[in-house]
Amino acid sequence: MARRRLPSLNALAAFEASGRLGRMTLAADELAVTHGAISRHVRHLEEVLGIRLFEGPKNALRLTESGQTLLAHLTEGFDRIEAGVRAVVDEEEGALDVSCTGTFSMRWLIPRLHRFQAAHPAIEVRLSASYAPIDFARERYEVAIRLAEHPLPKDAIITELLKEHFGPVLSADLAKRLHLKRVDDLKRAPLLHTITRPDAWVDWAARIGWKNTDLRGTDYEHFYYMLEAATGGLGACIAPWPMVIDDIRAGRLVAPFGFVLSEHAYVAARRPRRNRKAQVFCEWLQQEAENTPTP
């Protein structure tokens, strides 16, 4: 096997931090060394490679084209190294990367997350938004929260959180103006849709046996925008109970015809290897889900 021919890893790390953060002083703080050490490492790397990585005056350095190319590769490489280290370290404290669909995160998880932080102050939950199927092989998160409408990783540890109930919601003022008494009265309401779940109205109508053939309406790019439009009185939308429970309790939305059970559930999936932070977080999620009333 050919021997790797790499410059000093300290020099590569110093340059990567300087380029990523934009200033050598910030790189020095991150790597816990002096500004002079960072500067010497970068100069040494430039000498070894025979190229300039930065240009411009000392107080306003900018990456050269070669520097930009090298930085992109190094940042990706160090990210993968960090992920590999974290993959085999089982710590009781520190950062825990959690992937969650955006609306579920904003409407259910974040309003309750303060209770986890109070109970486990040593664990820092770092949230990222994604609607993509769970892929532990390609992504760095340890826990993923999804509506289980896609196949789940076969070796993942699954915690079921909430069975999905969904139904039409709208503002109290709009419901009053429309004099909603029967489901057929919804024909007078502007209907709101989201492109992330375009068949929600059709699915709900089929489950309750509502014979309305005209379910056209306004499309919104994101679920969150559609819910905000409903809260603002622009129409009625189909929403899952966990997304609107706090709004209904506060009177911002009403659900005049209740909610019906869908075939999906919200789940938390974590990697099969032992990870105490992920296990503690999923146990907390399950407890919060059990404490969430059904509609």
Protein backbone atom coordinates (compact mmCIF):
# COMPACT_ATOMS: atom_id res chain seq x y z
CA MET A 1 0.00 0.00 0.00
CA ALA A 2 1.35 3.41 -0.96
CA ARG A 3 2.50 5.62 1.90
CA ARG A 4 0.47 8.81 2.44
CA ARG A 5 2.36 11.99 1.59
CA LEU A 6 0.75 14.68 3.73
CA PRO A 7 2.06 17.93 5.22
CA SER A 8 1.95 18.42 8.97
CA LEU A 9 -1.56 17.78 10.31
CA ASN A 10 -1.08 20.70 12.72
CA ALA A 11 -0.38 22.96 9.74
CA LEU A 12 -3.41 21.63 7.86
CA ALA A 13 -5.63 22.15 10.91
CA ALA A 14 -4.31 25.69 11.42
CA PHE A 15 -5.00 26.61 7.80
CA GLU A 16 -8.45 24.97 7.77
CA ALA A 17 -9.55 26.82 10.90
CA SER A 18 -8.16 30.13 9.58
CA GLY A 19 -9.87 29.75 6.23
CA ARG A 20 -13.18 28.54 7.67
CA LEU A 21 -13.38 31.21 10.38
CA GLY A 22 -11.92 34.00 8.25
CA ARG A 23 -9.33 35.19 10.80
CA MET A 24 -6.21 33.68 12.30
CA THR A 25 -7.06 35.06 15.75
CA LEU A 26 -10.32 33.10 15.72
CA ALA A 27 -8.46 30.00 14.55
CA ALA A 28 -6.02 30.45 17.45
CA ASP A 29 -8.92 30.60 19.92
CA GLU A 30 -10.55 27.49 18.47
CA LEU A 31 -7.32 25.46 18.49
CA ALA A 32 -6.15 26.87 21.85
CA VAL A 33 -2.80 28.10 20.50
CA THR A 34 -1.29 31.53 19.92
CA HIS A 35 -1.87 33.69 16.87
CA GLY A 36 1.85 33.37 16.13
CA ALA A 37 1.64 29.59 16.08
CA ILE A 38 -1.21 29.72 13.57
CA SER A 39 0.72 32.13 11.37
CA ARG A 40 3.85 29.94 11.46
CA HIS A 41 1.87 26.80 10.59
CA VAL A 42 0.23 28.52 7.61
CA ARG A 43 3.58 29.87 6.33
CA HIS A 44 5.12 26.40 6.71
CA LEU A 45 2.24 24.86 4.76
CA GLU A 46 2.65 27.41 1.96
CA GLU A 47 6.39 26.63 1.79
CA VAL A 48 5.79 22.87 1.67
CA LEU A 49 3.13 23.18 -1.03
CA GLY A 50 4.95 25.91 -2.94
CA ILE A 51 1.81 28.04 -3.30
CA ARG A 52 0.15 31.03 -1.68
CA LEU A 53 -2.94 30.18 0.36
CA PHE A 54 -3.76 33.71 1.54
CA GLU A 55 -3.27 37.08 -0.08
CA GLY A 56 -3.81 40.72 0.82
CA PRO A 57 -2.75 42.81 3.84
CA LYS A 58 -2.27 41.14 7.24
CA ASN A 59 -5.40 42.74 8.69
CA ALA A 60 -7.58 41.67 5.75
CA LEU A 61 -6.27 38.35 4.47
CA ARG A 62 -8.35 36.50 1.90
CA LEU A 63 -8.03 33.05 0.40
CA THR A 64 -6.38 32.58 -2.95
CA GLU A 65 -8.03 30.32 -5.51
CA SER A 66 -5.71 27.50 -4.41
CA GLY A 67 -6.56 28.24 -0.78
CA GLN A 68 -10.29 27.99 -1.50
CA THR A 69 -9.82 24.62 -3.21
CA LEU A 70 -7.70 23.20 -0.40
CA LEU A 71 -10.07 24.55 2.27
CA ALA A 72 -13.09 22.79 0.77
CA HIS A 73 -11.30 19.42 0.83
CA LEU A 74 -9.85 19.90 4.31
CA THR A 75 -13.16 21.00 5.88
CA GLU A 76 -14.91 17.96 4.46
CA GLY A 77 -12.06 15.74 5.63
CA PHE A 78 -11.98 17.11 9.18
CA ASP A 79 -15.78 16.82 9.39
CA ARG A 80 -15.50 13.14 8.50
CA ILE A 81 -12.70 12.64 11.03
CA GLU A 82 -14.81 14.30 13.72
CA ALA A 83 -17.79 12.14 12.81
CA GLY A 84 -15.60 9.03 12.98
CA VAL A 85 -14.27 9.94 16.42
CA ARG A 86 -17.74 10.68 17.72
CA ALA A 87 -18.97 7.40 16.26
CA VAL A 88 -16.84 5.38 18.67
CA VAL A 89 -16.94 7.65 21.73
CA ASP A 90 -19.77 7.09 24.19
CA GLU A 91 -19.95 10.15 26.43
CA GLU A 92 -22.59 11.15 28.94
CA GLU A 93 -22.28 14.82 28.09
CA GLY A 94 -21.55 17.09 25.13
CA ALA A 95 -23.27 17.70 21.82
CA LEU A 96 -26.02 15.46 20.45
CA ASP A 97 -26.98 15.99 16.80
CA VAL A 98 -30.69 15.52 16.20
CA SER A 99 -32.39 15.67 12.80
CA CYS A 100 -36.08 16.55 12.77
CA THR A 101 -38.67 17.71 10.28
CA GLY A 102 -38.87 21.48 10.48
CA THR A 103 -42.51 21.94 11.44
CA PHE A 104 -42.52 19.15 14.06
CA SER A 105 -39.39 20.70 15.54
CA MET A 106 -40.90 24.20 15.75
CA ARG A 107 -44.40 23.18 16.78
CA TRP A 108 -43.81 20.28 19.18
CA LEU A 109 -40.17 19.63 20.03
CA ILE A 110 -38.71 23.09 20.66
CA PRO A 111 -41.56 24.29 22.94
CA ARG A 112 -40.83 21.26 25.18
CA LEU A 113 -37.05 21.11 24.84
CA HIS A 114 -36.44 23.38 27.85
CA ARG A 115 -37.52 20.49 30.09
CA PHE A 116 -34.82 18.25 28.65
CA GLN A 117 -32.19 20.96 29.06
CA ALA A 118 -33.23 21.49 32.67
CA ALA A 119 -33.00 17.76 33.40
CA HIS A 120 -29.78 17.18 31.40
CA PRO A 121 -27.81 20.45 31.30
CA ALA A 122 -24.59 18.67 30.25
CA ILE A 123 -26.14 17.52 26.94
CA GLU A 124 -26.32 20.11 24.14
CA VAL A 125 -29.02 19.19 21.63
CA ARG A 126 -28.07 20.47 18.16
CA LEU A 127 -31.11 20.47 15.88
CA SER A 128 -31.06 20.31 12.10
CA ALA A 129 -34.10 20.27 9.81
CA SER A 130 -34.67 17.57 7.21
CA TYR A 131 -37.58 15.77 5.56
CA ALA A 132 -35.34 13.25 3.81
CA PRO A 133 -35.45 9.54 4.66
CA ILE A 134 -33.16 8.61 7.55
CA ASP A 135 -29.66 7.72 6.38
CA PHE A 136 -27.18 7.10 9.18
CA ALA A 137 -24.51 6.01 6.70
CA ARG A 138 -24.30 9.42 5.03
CA GLU A 139 -25.39 11.82 7.78
CA ARG A 140 -23.77 12.78 11.07
CA TYR A 141 -26.86 12.98 13.32
CA GLU A 142 -27.31 10.47 16.12
CA VAL A 143 -31.10 10.73 16.39
CA ALA A 144 -33.66 11.37 13.65
CA ILE A 145 -37.33 12.20 14.25
CA ARG A 146 -39.65 11.52 11.34
CA LEU A 147 -43.19 10.68 10.36
CA ALA A 148 -42.75 7.00 9.52
CA GLU A 149 -43.95 7.20 5.94
CA HIS A 150 -40.63 6.03 4.49
CA PRO A 151 -38.84 2.74 5.25
CA LEU A 152 -36.73 3.04 8.40
CA PRO A 153 -33.13 1.78 8.63
CA LYS A 154 -33.28 -1.92 9.43
CA ASP A 155 -30.68 -1.81 12.19
CA ALA A 156 -31.88 1.43 13.82
CA ILE A 157 -33.33 1.49 17.34
CA ILE A 158 -36.87 2.84 16.93
CA THR A 159 -38.88 4.64 19.60
CA GLU A 160 -42.51 5.24 18.65
CA LEU A 161 -43.62 8.67 19.85
CA LEU A 162 -47.08 9.68 18.63
CA LYS A 163 -49.68 8.06 16.43
CA GLU A 164 -50.75 10.66 13.91
CA HIS A 165 -54.24 12.16 14.16
CA PHE A 166 -55.08 14.81 11.58
CA GLY A 167 -58.00 17.05 10.68
CA PRO A 168 -59.05 20.52 9.45
CA VAL A 169 -58.07 23.58 11.48
CA LEU A 170 -58.68 27.29 10.97
CA SER A 171 -58.83 30.50 12.95
CA ALA A 172 -61.73 30.98 15.36
CA ASP A 173 -62.78 34.18 13.57
CA LEU A 174 -62.96 32.49 10.17
CA ALA A 175 -64.88 29.52 11.61
CA LYS A 176 -67.40 31.94 13.13
CA ARG A 177 -67.83 33.87 9.87
CA LEU A 178 -68.39 30.64 7.93
CA HIS A 179 -70.96 29.36 10.46
CA LEU A 180 -69.39 25.90 10.45
CA LYS A 181 -71.94 23.39 11.71
CA ARG A 182 -71.52 20.42 9.35
CA VAL A 183 -68.54 19.15 7.37
CA ASP A 184 -70.24 20.26 4.15
CA ASP A 185 -69.95 23.84 5.40
CA LEU A 186 -66.22 23.58 4.68
CA LYS A 187 -67.13 23.99 1.01
CA ARG A 188 -67.47 27.71 1.80
CA ALA A 189 -63.94 27.86 3.24
CA PRO A 190 -60.78 28.68 1.28
CA LEU A 191 -58.71 25.49 1.40
CA LEU A 192 -54.98 25.62 2.09
CA HIS A 193 -52.50 23.00 0.87
CA THR A 194 -48.79 22.34 1.21
CA ILE A 195 -46.62 20.81 -1.50
CA THR A 196 -44.90 18.62 1.10
CA ARG A 197 -48.19 16.80 1.67
CA PRO A 198 -50.42 17.59 -1.32
CA ASP A 199 -53.02 14.83 -0.75
CA ALA A 200 -53.86 15.73 2.86
CA TRP A 201 -57.38 17.00 2.08
CA VAL A 202 -58.12 14.03 -0.18
CA ASP A 203 -56.87 11.59 2.46
CA TRP A 204 -58.91 13.18 5.25
CA ALA A 205 -62.07 13.38 3.13
CA ALA A 206 -61.74 9.71 2.20
CA ARG A 207 -61.31 8.65 5.83
CA ILE A 208 -64.48 10.42 6.99
CA GLY A 209 -66.49 9.69 3.82
CA TRP A 210 -66.84 13.33 2.78
CA LYS A 211 -68.05 13.55 -0.83
CA ASN A 212 -66.50 16.83 -1.91
CA THR A 213 -65.00 16.63 -5.39
CA ASP A 214 -63.57 20.16 -5.41
CA LEU A 215 -60.68 20.32 -2.99
CA ARG A 216 -58.64 22.90 -4.85
CA GLY A 217 -57.05 25.77 -2.97
CA THR A 218 -53.90 27.75 -2.28
CA ASP A 219 -50.58 25.89 -2.23
CA TYR A 220 -47.79 26.75 0.21
CA GLU A 221 -44.22 25.61 -0.16
CA HIS A 222 -43.75 24.70 3.49
CA PHE A 223 -46.07 23.20 6.09
CA TYR A 224 -45.16 25.96 8.54
CA TYR A 225 -46.25 28.68 6.08
CA MET A 226 -49.59 26.94 5.59
CA LEU A 227 -50.20 26.78 9.35
CA GLU A 228 -49.33 30.45 9.71
CA ALA A 229 -51.78 31.25 6.90
CA ALA A 230 -54.50 29.31 8.72
CA THR A 231 -53.72 31.11 11.96
CA GLY A 232 -53.97 34.40 10.09
CA GLY A 233 -57.47 33.58 8.87
CA LEU A 234 -56.61 32.87 5.22
CA GLY A 235 -58.36 29.51 5.12
CA ALA A 236 -58.65 26.01 6.52
CA CYS A 237 -55.91 23.40 6.30
CA ILE A 238 -55.40 19.78 7.25
CA ALA A 239 -52.94 19.53 10.13
CA PRO A 240 -51.61 16.77 12.40
CA TRP A 241 -52.61 17.11 16.06
CA PRO A 242 -49.02 17.43 17.44
CA MET A 243 -48.42 20.44 15.16
CA VAL A 244 -51.41 22.41 16.43
CA ILE A 245 -52.02 21.29 20.00
CA ASP A 246 -50.47 24.41 21.51
CA ASP A 247 -52.29 26.71 19.04
CA ILE A 248 -55.64 25.10 19.84
CA ARG A 249 -55.02 25.39 23.58
CA ALA A 250 -54.14 29.06 23.13
CA GLY A 251 -57.20 29.72 20.94
CA ARG A 252 -55.19 30.65 17.85
CA LEU A 253 -56.77 27.75 15.93
CA VAL A 254 -59.92 25.66 16.25
CA ALA A 255 -60.67 22.16 15.00
CA PRO A 256 -64.46 22.13 14.50
CA PHE A 257 -64.64 18.54 13.24
CA GLY A 258 -61.94 16.95 15.34
CA PHE A 259 -59.17 14.64 14.19
CA VAL A 260 -59.02 11.15 12.73
CA LEU A 261 -56.27 8.56 12.97
CA SER A 262 -53.93 8.19 9.99
CA GLU A 263 -51.79 5.17 9.18
CA HIS A 264 -48.56 6.88 10.24
CA ALA A 265 -46.75 7.59 13.50
CA TYR A 266 -43.96 9.92 14.57
CA VAL A 267 -40.87 7.99 15.58
CA ALA A 268 -37.37 8.65 16.85
CA ALA A 269 -34.63 6.49 15.33
CA ARG A 270 -31.11 6.22 16.70
CA ARG A 271 -28.00 4.41 15.60
CA PRO A 272 -27.67 0.77 16.72
CA ARG A 273 -24.42 1.34 18.58
CA ARG A 274 -24.43 2.28 22.25
CA ASN A 275 -24.79 6.02 22.77
CA ARG A 276 -25.84 7.15 26.23
CA LYS A 277 -26.78 10.69 25.15
CA ALA A 278 -29.00 9.43 22.34
CA GLN A 279 -30.59 6.85 24.63
CA VAL A 280 -31.35 9.47 27.32
CA PHE A 281 -32.80 11.82 24.73
CA CYS A 282 -35.05 9.16 23.15
CA GLU A 283 -36.29 8.10 26.59
CA TRP A 284 -37.17 11.74 27.30
CA LEU A 285 -38.93 12.04 23.92
CA GLN A 286 -41.00 8.96 24.70
CA GLN A 287 -42.00 10.38 28.09
CA GLU A 288 -43.00 13.71 26.52
CA ALA A 289 -45.04 11.86 23.90
CA GLU A 290 -46.83 9.87 26.60
CA ASN A 291 -47.64 13.14 28.37
CA THR A 292 -49.08 14.67 25.19
CA PRO A 293 -52.88 14.29 25.28
CA THR A 294 -54.63 12.71 22.34
CA PRO A 295 -57.25 14.81 20.57
